[in-house]
Amino acid sequence: MEVKLHTARTLVGRLRGAAAVHDGAATAVAIAEIRHVSKNDPDIRAPLADAGAVPFLAAQLTAPSAASEDAAAALLNISISAREQLMSAPGLLDALTAALRAEEYCAAHHAAATVYSLLCVEANRPVVGARRPLLTALVSLLRAAPNTRATKDALKALFAVALYPPNRATLVGLGAVQALFALIMMDGRTGIMEDATAVVAQVAGCAESLDAFTRMSGLRILVDLVEQGGASTPRTRENAAAALLNLVVAGGERAVAEVIAVGGAEDAVRELAEDATASARGKSKAESLLRALECGGARRREHRLADFLNGLVQSDPYISSPASASTHG
């Protein structure tokens, strides 16, 4: 390991020296070398962080430069083995935000992937979620990026952000619901559809989402995706069912009534619940959703909706508490 640290210090020393004399060409060469070695040698990633590479690489993201893509890629590589060092580096999240806003989509997709990598650590999710400019940049990337990789990496980062329940309302307030449904309606790429509906399912798990979904005709879109043949893949269909379920858990009786009001909703959900070819996850989500719709529709005392929704929350830590829980004790 001492050899790795020596190599890392040598590489970072070259970068530091080039940056000190403002030699753009030498800086670019040094960063390209760090990108190469951090990709091909996992054992050198943490030593590079320990040797002080992160601040120099992050500095390349704050202004357009020829080395921006290599710097963003190197940070992504290093993050896999040194997430704590990256999160503690001053200005790193601001630098990633700048890269996400850049017109250079190769740097943007590496930056989005780095954000996702950092969010693999649960403790980082509230920290990143508090950075509204960063979240805004991720949402904007969905609207702007003609690059499939940039779009997919932004979606993965937003999914990880939304795994922390308090972040969901922030995403709704930043227009994530509109951007996601626009993507679903306009983009036919299978991978994009699957990832976009996965994010929708997570964002649906907050009380603030219902109005945003309604404004975008989101319930109708989701029901159409749940219907047999309505989604491009089984995973997209499952995600749509999960989104509706999370929506009614978070939104309570009002959300149940809104879903029931969508023509064919109960039939579509029942069809998925009874589909022998559907995945276990899809059937489970559909069965829970169907029970919620039946409870909400029947208003039967022995199957009170609030109790049922609270039970779902207790079984899934990523679902927000239902809005009806405090009003139907």
C-alpha atoms as a PDB file:
ATOM      1  CA  MET A   1       0.000   0.000   0.000  1.00  0.00           C
ATOM      2  CA  GLU A   2       2.970   2.279   0.580  1.00  0.00           C
ATOM      3  CA  VAL A   3       3.775   1.997  -3.132  1.00  0.00           C
ATOM      4  CA  LYS A   4       0.252   3.089  -4.025  1.00  0.00           C
ATOM      5  CA  LEU A   5       0.466   6.085  -1.732  1.00  0.00           C
ATOM      6  CA  HIS A   6       3.835   7.063  -3.213  1.00  0.00           C
ATOM      7  CA  THR A   7       2.408   6.816  -6.744  1.00  0.00           C
ATOM      8  CA  ALA A   8      -0.640   8.842  -5.725  1.00  0.00           C
ATOM      9  CA  ARG A   9       1.503  11.555  -4.162  1.00  0.00           C
ATOM     10  CA  THR A  10       3.622  11.721  -7.318  1.00  0.00           C
ATOM     11  CA  LEU A  11       0.560  12.102  -9.543  1.00  0.00           C
ATOM     12  CA  VAL A  12      -1.032  14.726  -7.326  1.00  0.00           C
ATOM     13  CA  GLY A  13       2.311  16.513  -7.079  1.00  0.00           C
ATOM     14  CA  ARG A  14       2.417  16.850 -10.858  1.00  0.00           C
ATOM     15  CA  LEU A  15      -1.116  18.223 -10.859  1.00  0.00           C
ATOM     16  CA  ARG A  16      -0.341  20.640  -8.038  1.00  0.00           C
ATOM     17  CA  GLY A  17       2.749  21.895  -9.813  1.00  0.00           C
ATOM     18  CA  ALA A  18       0.992  22.421 -13.133  1.00  0.00           C
ATOM     19  CA  ALA A  19      -1.909  24.205 -11.452  1.00  0.00           C
ATOM     20  CA  ALA A  20       0.455  26.463  -9.491  1.00  0.00           C
ATOM     21  CA  VAL A  21       2.004  27.881 -12.657  1.00  0.00           C
ATOM     22  CA  HIS A  22      -1.335  27.934 -14.514  1.00  0.00           C
ATOM     23  CA  ASP A  23      -0.070  25.559 -17.180  1.00  0.00           C
ATOM     24  CA  GLY A  24      -3.332  24.399 -18.743  1.00  0.00           C
ATOM     25  CA  ALA A  25      -1.790  21.782 -20.996  1.00  0.00           C
ATOM     26  CA  ALA A  26       0.258  20.181 -18.217  1.00  0.00           C
ATOM     27  CA  THR A  27      -2.740  20.302 -15.893  1.00  0.00           C
ATOM     28  CA  ALA A  28      -4.869  18.488 -18.467  1.00  0.00           C
ATOM     29  CA  VAL A  29      -2.203  15.811 -18.911  1.00  0.00           C
ATOM     30  CA  ALA A  30      -1.909  15.266 -15.154  1.00  0.00           C
ATOM     31  CA  ILE A  31      -5.678  14.987 -14.739  1.00  0.00           C
ATOM     32  CA  ALA A  32      -5.950  12.572 -17.661  1.00  0.00           C
ATOM     33  CA  GLU A  33      -3.316  10.394 -16.026  1.00  0.00           C
ATOM     34  CA  ILE A  34      -5.176  10.435 -12.707  1.00  0.00           C
ATOM     35  CA  ARG A  35      -8.374   9.506 -14.505  1.00  0.00           C
ATOM     36  CA  HIS A  36      -6.638   6.594 -16.221  1.00  0.00           C
ATOM     37  CA  VAL A  37      -4.988   5.167 -13.136  1.00  0.00           C
ATOM     38  CA  SER A  38      -8.094   5.612 -10.939  1.00  0.00           C
ATOM     39  CA  LYS A  39     -10.146   3.704 -13.497  1.00  0.00           C
ATOM     40  CA  ASN A  40      -7.784   0.787 -13.868  1.00  0.00           C
ATOM     41  CA  ASP A  41      -6.397   0.476 -10.328  1.00  0.00           C
ATOM     42  CA  PRO A  42      -9.076   0.433  -7.601  1.00  0.00           C
ATOM     43  CA  ASP A  43      -6.418   0.247  -4.896  1.00  0.00           C
ATOM     44  CA  ILE A  44      -5.061   3.686  -5.724  1.00  0.00           C
ATOM     45  CA  ARG A  45      -8.364   5.550  -5.397  1.00  0.00           C
ATOM     46  CA  ALA A  46      -8.274   6.102  -1.643  1.00  0.00           C
ATOM     47  CA  PRO A  47      -4.562   7.014  -1.697  1.00  0.00           C
ATOM     48  CA  LEU A  48      -5.323   9.634  -4.368  1.00  0.00           C
ATOM     49  CA  ALA A  49      -7.907  11.167  -2.063  1.00  0.00           C
ATOM     50  CA  ASP A  50      -5.513  11.014   0.878  1.00  0.00           C
ATOM     51  CA  ALA A  51      -2.824  12.692  -1.245  1.00  0.00           C
ATOM     52  CA  GLY A  52      -5.096  15.675  -1.855  1.00  0.00           C
ATOM     53  CA  ALA A  53      -6.340  15.054  -5.401  1.00  0.00           C
ATOM     54  CA  VAL A  54      -9.984  15.942  -4.739  1.00  0.00           C
ATOM     55  CA  PRO A  55      -9.712  19.755  -4.359  1.00  0.00           C
ATOM     56  CA  PHE A  56      -7.582  20.065  -7.499  1.00  0.00           C
ATOM     57  CA  LEU A  57      -9.977  17.910  -9.525  1.00  0.00           C
ATOM     58  CA  ALA A  58     -13.017  19.760  -8.176  1.00  0.00           C
ATOM     59  CA  ALA A  59     -11.475  23.090  -9.156  1.00  0.00           C
ATOM     60  CA  GLN A  60     -11.616  22.002 -12.809  1.00  0.00           C
ATOM     61  CA  LEU A  61     -15.404  21.730 -12.624  1.00  0.00           C
ATOM     62  CA  THR A  62     -16.129  25.279 -11.520  1.00  0.00           C
ATOM     63  CA  ALA A  63     -15.194  26.785 -14.893  1.00  0.00           C
ATOM     64  CA  PRO A  64     -15.237  25.315 -18.393  1.00  0.00           C
ATOM     65  CA  SER A  65     -11.926  23.734 -19.296  1.00  0.00           C
ATOM     66  CA  ALA A  66     -10.526  21.050 -21.536  1.00  0.00           C
ATOM     67  CA  ALA A  67      -9.899  18.913 -18.461  1.00  0.00           C
ATOM     68  CA  SER A  68     -13.434  19.085 -17.044  1.00  0.00           C
ATOM     69  CA  GLU A  69     -14.553  15.713 -18.357  1.00  0.00           C
ATOM     70  CA  ASP A  70     -11.408  13.931 -17.155  1.00  0.00           C
ATOM     71  CA  ALA A  71     -11.653  15.626 -13.754  1.00  0.00           C
ATOM     72  CA  ALA A  72     -15.312  14.633 -13.339  1.00  0.00           C
ATOM     73  CA  ALA A  73     -14.553  11.057 -14.372  1.00  0.00           C
ATOM     74  CA  ALA A  74     -11.604  10.871 -11.966  1.00  0.00           C
ATOM     75  CA  LEU A  75     -13.789  12.110  -9.100  1.00  0.00           C
ATOM     76  CA  LEU A  76     -16.337   9.439  -9.945  1.00  0.00           C
ATOM     77  CA  ASN A  77     -13.669   6.746  -9.881  1.00  0.00           C
ATOM     78  CA  ILE A  78     -12.237   7.973  -6.580  1.00  0.00           C
ATOM     79  CA  SER A  79     -15.696   8.249  -5.000  1.00  0.00           C
ATOM     80  CA  ILE A  80     -16.208   4.502  -5.274  1.00  0.00           C
ATOM     81  CA  SER A  81     -13.499   3.906  -2.655  1.00  0.00           C
ATOM     82  CA  ALA A  82     -13.311   7.238  -0.848  1.00  0.00           C
ATOM     83  CA  ARG A  83     -16.822   8.638  -0.415  1.00  0.00           C
ATOM     84  CA  GLU A  84     -16.089  10.092   3.017  1.00  0.00           C
ATOM     85  CA  GLN A  85     -13.070  12.017   1.730  1.00  0.00           C
ATOM     86  CA  LEU A  86     -15.111  13.461  -1.128  1.00  0.00           C
ATOM     87  CA  MET A  87     -18.010  14.520   1.088  1.00  0.00           C
ATOM     88  CA  SER A  88     -15.629  16.250   3.493  1.00  0.00           C
ATOM     89  CA  ALA A  89     -13.778  18.130   0.743  1.00  0.00           C
ATOM     90  CA  PRO A  90     -14.685  21.849   0.885  1.00  0.00           C
ATOM     91  CA  GLY A  91     -16.568  23.015  -2.176  1.00  0.00           C
ATOM     92  CA  LEU A  92     -17.004  19.594  -3.752  1.00  0.00           C
ATOM     93  CA  LEU A  93     -20.802  19.681  -3.919  1.00  0.00           C
ATOM     94  CA  ASP A  94     -20.669  23.201  -5.361  1.00  0.00           C
ATOM     95  CA  ALA A  95     -18.201  21.981  -7.993  1.00  0.00           C
ATOM     96  CA  LEU A  96     -20.465  19.053  -8.913  1.00  0.00           C
ATOM     97  CA  THR A  97     -23.378  21.487  -9.192  1.00  0.00           C
ATOM     98  CA  ALA A  98     -21.357  23.606 -11.628  1.00  0.00           C
ATOM     99  CA  ALA A  99     -20.548  20.535 -13.713  1.00  0.00           C
ATOM    100  CA  LEU A 100     -24.211  19.519 -13.815  1.00  0.00           C
ATOM    101  CA  ARG A 101     -25.085  22.949 -15.201  1.00  0.00           C
ATOM    102  CA  ALA A 102     -22.371  22.890 -17.845  1.00  0.00           C
ATOM    103  CA  GLU A 103     -23.170  22.415 -21.508  1.00  0.00           C
ATOM    104  CA  GLU A 104     -20.514  19.692 -21.646  1.00  0.00           C
ATOM    105  CA  TYR A 105     -22.742  16.667 -21.108  1.00  0.00           C
ATOM    106  CA  CYS A 106     -19.856  14.229 -20.702  1.00  0.00           C
ATOM    107  CA  ALA A 107     -18.733  16.118 -17.605  1.00  0.00           C
ATOM    108  CA  ALA A 108     -22.362  16.450 -16.474  1.00  0.00           C
ATOM    109  CA  HIS A 109     -23.074  12.740 -16.597  1.00  0.00           C
ATOM    110  CA  HIS A 110     -19.893  11.958 -14.648  1.00  0.00           C
ATOM    111  CA  ALA A 111     -20.919  14.567 -12.066  1.00  0.00           C
ATOM    112  CA  ALA A 112     -24.406  13.087 -11.767  1.00  0.00           C
ATOM    113  CA  ALA A 113     -22.923   9.616 -11.378  1.00  0.00           C
ATOM    114  CA  THR A 114     -20.620  10.942  -8.657  1.00  0.00           C
ATOM    115  CA  VAL A 115     -23.604  12.384  -6.791  1.00  0.00           C
ATOM    116  CA  TYR A 116     -25.280   8.983  -7.033  1.00  0.00           C
ATOM    117  CA  SER A 117     -22.123   7.309  -5.740  1.00  0.00           C
ATOM    118  CA  LEU A 118     -22.025   9.635  -2.733  1.00  0.00           C
ATOM    119  CA  LEU A 119     -25.695   8.935  -2.040  1.00  0.00           C
ATOM    120  CA  CYS A 120     -24.973   5.241  -1.656  1.00  0.00           C
ATOM    121  CA  VAL A 121     -24.029   6.269   1.883  1.00  0.00           C
ATOM    122  CA  GLU A 122     -27.331   6.819   3.685  1.00  0.00           C
ATOM    123  CA  ALA A 123     -25.937   9.551   5.931  1.00  0.00           C
ATOM    124  CA  ASN A 124     -25.139  11.680   2.856  1.00  0.00           C
ATOM    125  CA  ARG A 125     -28.746  11.843   1.637  1.00  0.00           C
ATOM    126  CA  PRO A 126     -29.952  14.633   3.949  1.00  0.00           C
ATOM    127  CA  VAL A 127     -26.757  16.602   3.302  1.00  0.00           C
ATOM    128  CA  VAL A 128     -27.179  16.447  -0.470  1.00  0.00           C
ATOM    129  CA  GLY A 129     -30.917  17.016  -0.123  1.00  0.00           C
ATOM    130  CA  ALA A 130     -30.238  20.317   1.626  1.00  0.00           C
ATOM    131  CA  ARG A 131     -28.349  21.564  -1.452  1.00  0.00           C
ATOM    132  CA  ARG A 132     -31.218  23.017  -3.465  1.00  0.00           C
ATOM    133  CA  PRO A 133     -28.976  24.321  -6.286  1.00  0.00           C
ATOM    134  CA  LEU A 134     -27.592  20.819  -6.765  1.00  0.00           C
ATOM    135  CA  LEU A 135     -31.065  19.256  -6.855  1.00  0.00           C
ATOM    136  CA  THR A 136     -32.236  21.985  -9.228  1.00  0.00           C
ATOM    137  CA  ALA A 137     -29.320  21.196 -11.530  1.00  0.00           C
ATOM    138  CA  LEU A 138     -30.211  17.487 -11.540  1.00  0.00           C
ATOM    139  CA  VAL A 139     -33.848  18.242 -12.381  1.00  0.00           C
ATOM    140  CA  SER A 140     -32.790  20.697 -15.092  1.00  0.00           C
ATOM    141  CA  LEU A 141     -30.530  18.041 -16.594  1.00  0.00           C
ATOM    142  CA  LEU A 142     -33.607  15.890 -17.240  1.00  0.00           C
ATOM    143  CA  ARG A 143     -35.055  18.671 -19.369  1.00  0.00           C
ATOM    144  CA  ALA A 144     -31.881  19.669 -21.157  1.00  0.00           C
ATOM    145  CA  ALA A 145     -29.765  16.592 -21.774  1.00  0.00           C
ATOM    146  CA  PRO A 146     -29.925  15.029 -25.225  1.00  0.00           C
ATOM    147  CA  ASN A 147     -27.370  12.567 -23.903  1.00  0.00           C
ATOM    148  CA  THR A 148     -28.785   9.218 -22.729  1.00  0.00           C
ATOM    149  CA  ARG A 149     -26.049   8.642 -20.164  1.00  0.00           C
ATOM    150  CA  ALA A 150     -26.500  12.100 -18.648  1.00  0.00           C
ATOM    151  CA  THR A 151     -30.247  11.549 -18.360  1.00  0.00           C
ATOM    152  CA  LYS A 152     -29.880   8.094 -16.814  1.00  0.00           C
ATOM    153  CA  ASP A 153     -27.244   9.250 -14.323  1.00  0.00           C
ATOM    154  CA  ALA A 154     -29.406  12.222 -13.310  1.00  0.00           C
ATOM    155  CA  LEU A 155     -32.350   9.863 -12.777  1.00  0.00           C
ATOM    156  CA  LYS A 156     -30.264   7.507 -10.640  1.00  0.00           C
ATOM    157  CA  ALA A 157     -29.044  10.418  -8.528  1.00  0.00           C
ATOM    158  CA  LEU A 158     -32.586  11.725  -8.064  1.00  0.00           C
ATOM    159  CA  PHE A 159     -33.768   8.238  -7.106  1.00  0.00           C
ATOM    160  CA  ALA A 160     -31.122   8.079  -4.388  1.00  0.00           C
ATOM    161  CA  VAL A 161     -32.025  11.590  -3.208  1.00  0.00           C
ATOM    162  CA  ALA A 162     -35.672  10.557  -2.901  1.00  0.00           C
ATOM    163  CA  LEU A 163     -34.815   7.517  -0.780  1.00  0.00           C
ATOM    164  CA  TYR A 164     -34.605  10.003   2.108  1.00  0.00           C
ATOM    165  CA  PRO A 165     -38.297  10.868   2.679  1.00  0.00           C
ATOM    166  CA  PRO A 166     -37.872  14.562   3.661  1.00  0.00           C
ATOM    167  CA  ASN A 167     -36.158  15.202   0.304  1.00  0.00           C
ATOM    168  CA  ARG A 168     -39.277  14.261  -1.657  1.00  0.00           C
ATOM    169  CA  ALA A 169     -41.217  17.433  -0.897  1.00  0.00           C
ATOM    170  CA  THR A 170     -38.154  19.461  -1.880  1.00  0.00           C
ATOM    171  CA  LEU A 171     -38.020  17.685  -5.239  1.00  0.00           C
ATOM    172  CA  VAL A 172     -41.724  18.350  -5.787  1.00  0.00           C
ATOM    173  CA  GLY A 173     -41.177  22.032  -5.045  1.00  0.00           C
ATOM    174  CA  LEU A 174     -38.316  22.160  -7.548  1.00  0.00           C
ATOM    175  CA  GLY A 175     -40.477  20.855 -10.388  1.00  0.00           C
ATOM    176  CA  ALA A 176     -39.226  17.279 -10.465  1.00  0.00           C
ATOM    177  CA  VAL A 177     -42.708  15.847 -11.042  1.00  0.00           C
ATOM    178  CA  GLN A 178     -43.237  17.948 -14.167  1.00  0.00           C
ATOM    179  CA  ALA A 179     -39.804  17.055 -15.530  1.00  0.00           C
ATOM    180  CA  LEU A 180     -40.278  13.345 -14.830  1.00  0.00           C
ATOM    181  CA  PHE A 181     -43.698  13.061 -16.451  1.00  0.00           C
ATOM    182  CA  ALA A 182     -42.547  15.096 -19.431  1.00  0.00           C
ATOM    183  CA  LEU A 183     -39.717  12.605 -19.830  1.00  0.00           C
ATOM    184  CA  ILE A 184     -42.075   9.634 -19.533  1.00  0.00           C
ATOM    185  CA  MET A 185     -44.421  11.040 -22.160  1.00  0.00           C
ATOM    186  CA  MET A 186     -41.766  12.159 -24.630  1.00  0.00           C
ATOM    187  CA  ASP A 187     -38.986   9.578 -24.303  1.00  0.00           C
ATOM    188  CA  GLY A 188     -39.521   6.080 -25.654  1.00  0.00           C
ATOM    189  CA  ARG A 189     -36.172   4.635 -24.591  1.00  0.00           C
ATOM    190  CA  THR A 190     -36.749   1.578 -22.420  1.00  0.00           C
ATOM    191  CA  GLY A 191     -34.038   2.272 -19.871  1.00  0.00           C
ATOM    192  CA  ILE A 192     -35.116   5.883 -19.461  1.00  0.00           C
ATOM    193  CA  MET A 193     -38.751   4.891 -18.933  1.00  0.00           C
ATOM    194  CA  GLU A 194     -37.816   2.352 -16.279  1.00  0.00           C
ATOM    195  CA  ASP A 195     -35.562   4.747 -14.395  1.00  0.00           C
ATOM    196  CA  ALA A 196     -37.971   7.684 -14.674  1.00  0.00           C
ATOM    197  CA  THR A 197     -40.905   5.696 -13.304  1.00  0.00           C
ATOM    198  CA  ALA A 198     -38.687   4.416 -10.477  1.00  0.00           C
ATOM    199  CA  VAL A 199     -37.997   8.018  -9.448  1.00  0.00           C
ATOM    200  CA  VAL A 200     -41.692   8.877  -9.796  1.00  0.00           C
ATOM    201  CA  ALA A 201     -42.503   6.018  -7.437  1.00  0.00           C
ATOM    202  CA  GLN A 202     -40.175   7.409  -4.778  1.00  0.00           C
ATOM    203  CA  VAL A 203     -41.228  11.041  -5.150  1.00  0.00           C
ATOM    204  CA  ALA A 204     -44.872   9.940  -4.871  1.00  0.00           C
ATOM    205  CA  GLY A 205     -44.228   9.057  -1.247  1.00  0.00           C
ATOM    206  CA  CYS A 206     -44.966  12.491   0.209  1.00  0.00           C
ATOM    207  CA  ALA A 207     -48.213  14.370   0.800  1.00  0.00           C
ATOM    208  CA  GLU A 208     -47.066  17.262  -1.411  1.00  0.00           C
ATOM    209  CA  SER A 209     -46.916  15.038  -4.485  1.00  0.00           C
ATOM    210  CA  LEU A 210     -50.650  14.564  -5.036  1.00  0.00           C
ATOM    211  CA  ASP A 211     -51.369  18.076  -6.317  1.00  0.00           C
ATOM    212  CA  ALA A 212     -48.291  17.991  -8.552  1.00  0.00           C
ATOM    213  CA  PHE A 213     -49.288  14.607  -9.981  1.00  0.00           C
ATOM    214  CA  THR A 214     -52.841  15.829 -10.592  1.00  0.00           C
ATOM    215  CA  ARG A 215     -51.658  18.915 -12.467  1.00  0.00           C
ATOM    216  CA  MET A 216     -49.648  16.688 -14.829  1.00  0.00           C
ATOM    217  CA  SER A 217     -52.476  14.143 -15.308  1.00  0.00           C
ATOM    218  CA  GLY A 218     -50.048  11.842 -13.560  1.00  0.00           C
ATOM    219  CA  LEU A 219     -52.654   9.485 -12.151  1.00  0.00           C
ATOM    220  CA  ARG A 220     -54.064   8.828 -15.605  1.00  0.00           C
ATOM    221  CA  ILE A 221     -50.571   8.238 -16.978  1.00  0.00           C
ATOM    222  CA  LEU A 222     -49.697   5.822 -14.187  1.00  0.00           C
ATOM    223  CA  VAL A 223     -52.936   3.866 -14.545  1.00  0.00           C
ATOM    224  CA  ASP A 224     -52.311   3.572 -18.272  1.00  0.00           C
ATOM    225  CA  LEU A 225     -48.846   2.180 -17.526  1.00  0.00           C
ATOM    226  CA  VAL A 226     -50.278  -0.342 -15.052  1.00  0.00           C
ATOM    227  CA  GLU A 227     -52.694  -1.695 -17.663  1.00  0.00           C
ATOM    228  CA  GLN A 228     -51.612  -4.797 -19.535  1.00  0.00           C
ATOM    229  CA  GLY A 229     -49.642  -3.628 -22.571  1.00  0.00           C
ATOM    230  CA  GLY A 230     -49.562  -0.034 -21.390  1.00  0.00           C
ATOM    231  CA  ALA A 231     -45.930  -0.125 -20.282  1.00  0.00           C
ATOM    232  CA  SER A 232     -42.912  -0.905 -22.402  1.00  0.00           C
ATOM    233  CA  THR A 233     -41.501  -3.365 -19.848  1.00  0.00           C
ATOM    234  CA  PRO A 234     -42.708  -5.280 -16.769  1.00  0.00           C
ATOM    235  CA  ARG A 235     -40.437  -3.146 -14.606  1.00  0.00           C
ATOM    236  CA  THR A 236     -42.082   0.060 -15.830  1.00  0.00           C
ATOM    237  CA  ARG A 237     -45.474  -1.463 -15.047  1.00  0.00           C
ATOM    238  CA  GLU A 238     -44.319  -2.414 -11.549  1.00  0.00           C
ATOM    239  CA  ASN A 239     -42.933   1.070 -10.949  1.00  0.00           C
ATOM    240  CA  ALA A 240     -46.228   2.639 -11.982  1.00  0.00           C
ATOM    241  CA  ALA A 241     -48.105   0.444  -9.502  1.00  0.00           C
ATOM    242  CA  ALA A 242     -45.559   1.307  -6.796  1.00  0.00           C
ATOM    243  CA  ALA A 243     -46.022   5.012  -7.547  1.00  0.00           C
ATOM    244  CA  LEU A 244     -49.797   4.784  -7.150  1.00  0.00           C
ATOM    245  CA  LEU A 245     -49.380   2.815  -3.933  1.00  0.00           C
ATOM    246  CA  ASN A 246     -46.933   5.328  -2.462  1.00  0.00           C
ATOM    247  CA  LEU A 247     -49.228   8.132  -3.534  1.00  0.00           C
ATOM    248  CA  VAL A 248     -52.241   6.741  -1.660  1.00  0.00           C
ATOM    249  CA  VAL A 249     -50.158   5.865   1.407  1.00  0.00           C
ATOM    250  CA  ALA A 250     -48.826   9.418   1.627  1.00  0.00           C
ATOM    251  CA  GLY A 251     -52.010  11.149   0.488  1.00  0.00           C
ATOM    252  CA  GLY A 252     -54.576   9.161   2.446  1.00  0.00           C
ATOM    253  CA  GLU A 253     -58.288   9.162   1.629  1.00  0.00           C
ATOM    254  CA  ARG A 254     -58.067  12.061  -0.784  1.00  0.00           C
ATOM    255  CA  ALA A 255     -55.434  10.294  -2.862  1.00  0.00           C
ATOM    256  CA  VAL A 256     -57.446   7.048  -2.822  1.00  0.00           C
ATOM    257  CA  ALA A 257     -60.493   8.936  -4.062  1.00  0.00           C
ATOM    258  CA  GLU A 258     -58.451  10.574  -6.833  1.00  0.00           C
ATOM    259  CA  VAL A 259     -57.124   7.206  -8.034  1.00  0.00           C
ATOM    260  CA  ILE A 260     -60.572   5.593  -7.904  1.00  0.00           C
ATOM    261  CA  ALA A 261     -61.907   8.479  -9.998  1.00  0.00           C
ATOM    262  CA  VAL A 262     -59.540   7.557 -12.838  1.00  0.00           C
ATOM    263  CA  GLY A 263     -61.525   5.415 -15.237  1.00  0.00           C
ATOM    264  CA  GLY A 264     -60.469   1.774 -15.202  1.00  0.00           C
ATOM    265  CA  ALA A 265     -58.021   2.206 -12.325  1.00  0.00           C
ATOM    266  CA  GLU A 266     -59.316  -0.602 -10.131  1.00  0.00           C
ATOM    267  CA  ASP A 267     -59.636  -2.987 -13.060  1.00  0.00           C
ATOM    268  CA  ALA A 268     -56.067  -2.269 -14.173  1.00  0.00           C
ATOM    269  CA  VAL A 269     -54.690  -2.806 -10.682  1.00  0.00           C
ATOM    270  CA  ARG A 270     -56.709  -5.993 -10.205  1.00  0.00           C
ATOM    271  CA  GLU A 271     -55.457  -7.312 -13.535  1.00  0.00           C
ATOM    272  CA  LEU A 272     -51.860  -6.822 -12.418  1.00  0.00           C
ATOM    273  CA  ALA A 273     -52.531  -8.381  -9.019  1.00  0.00           C
ATOM    274  CA  GLU A 274     -53.967 -11.478 -10.717  1.00  0.00           C
ATOM    275  CA  ASP A 275     -51.434 -11.665 -13.549  1.00  0.00           C
ATOM    276  CA  ALA A 276     -49.591 -14.963 -13.208  1.00  0.00           C
ATOM    277  CA  THR A 277     -46.811 -13.701 -15.479  1.00  0.00           C
ATOM    278  CA  ALA A 278     -46.122 -10.582 -13.417  1.00  0.00           C
ATOM    279  CA  SER A 279     -43.157 -10.401 -11.060  1.00  0.00           C
ATOM    280  CA  ALA A 280     -43.575 -10.971  -7.339  1.00  0.00           C
ATOM    281  CA  ARG A 281     -42.820  -7.298  -6.712  1.00  0.00           C
ATOM    282  CA  GLY A 282     -45.399  -6.120  -9.207  1.00  0.00           C
ATOM    283  CA  LYS A 283     -48.088  -8.414  -7.846  1.00  0.00           C
ATOM    284  CA  SER A 284     -47.327  -7.416  -4.260  1.00  0.00           C
ATOM    285  CA  LYS A 285     -47.586  -3.690  -5.022  1.00  0.00           C
ATOM    286  CA  ALA A 286     -50.801  -4.229  -6.989  1.00  0.00           C
ATOM    287  CA  GLU A 287     -52.360  -6.350  -4.242  1.00  0.00           C
ATOM    288  CA  SER A 288     -51.626  -3.721  -1.575  1.00  0.00           C
ATOM    289  CA  LEU A 289     -52.901  -0.939  -3.828  1.00  0.00           C
ATOM    290  CA  LEU A 290     -56.068  -2.864  -4.634  1.00  0.00           C
ATOM    291  CA  ARG A 291     -56.778  -3.390  -0.938  1.00  0.00           C
ATOM    292  CA  ALA A 292     -56.269   0.331  -0.307  1.00  0.00           C
ATOM    293  CA  LEU A 293     -58.692   1.227  -3.099  1.00  0.00           C
ATOM    294  CA  GLU A 294     -61.245  -1.278  -1.821  1.00  0.00           C
ATOM    295  CA  CYS A 295     -60.935   0.033   1.736  1.00  0.00           C
ATOM    296  CA  GLY A 296     -61.286   3.599   0.555  1.00  0.00           C
ATOM    297  CA  GLY A 297     -64.235   2.807  -1.650  1.00  0.00           C
ATOM    298  CA  ALA A 298     -66.198   0.676   0.798  1.00  0.00           C
ATOM    299  CA  ARG A 299     -65.517   2.784   3.926  1.00  0.00           C
ATOM    300  CA  ARG A 300     -66.113  -0.387   5.927  1.00  0.00           C
ATOM    301  CA  ARG A 301     -65.412   0.027   9.620  1.00  0.00           C
ATOM    302  CA  GLU A 302     -63.505  -3.240   9.947  1.00  0.00           C
ATOM    303  CA  HIS A 303     -61.116  -2.258   7.160  1.00  0.00           C
ATOM    304  CA  ARG A 304     -60.374   1.339   8.047  1.00  0.00           C
ATOM    305  CA  LEU A 305     -58.137   2.890   5.438  1.00  0.00           C
ATOM    306  CA  ALA A 306     -55.882   4.710   7.891  1.00  0.00           C
ATOM    307  CA  ASP A 307     -55.076   1.526   9.772  1.00  0.00           C
ATOM    308  CA  PHE A 308     -54.274  -0.285   6.551  1.00  0.00           C
ATOM    309  CA  LEU A 309     -52.030   2.506   5.282  1.00  0.00           C
ATOM    310  CA  ASN A 310     -50.228   2.736   8.607  1.00  0.00           C
ATOM    311  CA  GLY A 311     -49.524  -0.973   8.369  1.00  0.00           C
ATOM    312  CA  LEU A 312     -47.898  -0.453   4.979  1.00  0.00           C
ATOM    313  CA  VAL A 313     -45.708   2.325   6.376  1.00  0.00           C
ATOM    314  CA  GLN A 314     -44.505   0.107   9.201  1.00  0.00           C
ATOM    315  CA  SER A 315     -43.527  -2.609   6.732  1.00  0.00           C
ATOM    316  CA  ASP A 316     -41.603  -0.253   4.397  1.00  0.00           C
ATOM    317  CA  PRO A 317     -39.261   2.372   5.873  1.00  0.00           C
ATOM    318  CA  TYR A 318     -39.052   4.242   2.560  1.00  0.00           C
ATOM    319  CA  ILE A 319     -42.764   5.110   2.528  1.00  0.00           C
ATOM    320  CA  SER A 320     -43.759   8.377   4.203  1.00  0.00           C
ATOM    321  CA  SER A 321     -46.384   8.411   6.931  1.00  0.00           C
ATOM    322  CA  PRO A 322     -49.905   8.627   5.515  1.00  0.00           C
ATOM    323  CA  ALA A 323     -51.653  11.974   5.641  1.00  0.00           C
ATOM    324  CA  SER A 324     -54.763  10.280   7.056  1.00  0.00           C
ATOM    325  CA  ALA A 325     -52.985   8.762  10.037  1.00  0.00           C
ATOM    326  CA  SER A 326     -53.456  11.765  12.310  1.00  0.00           C
ATOM    327  CA  THR A 327     -57.037  12.453  11.330  1.00  0.00           C
ATOM    328  CA  HIS A 328     -58.470   8.961  11.456  1.00  0.00           C
ATOM    329  CA  GLY A 329     -57.151   7.592  14.743  1.00  0.00           C
END
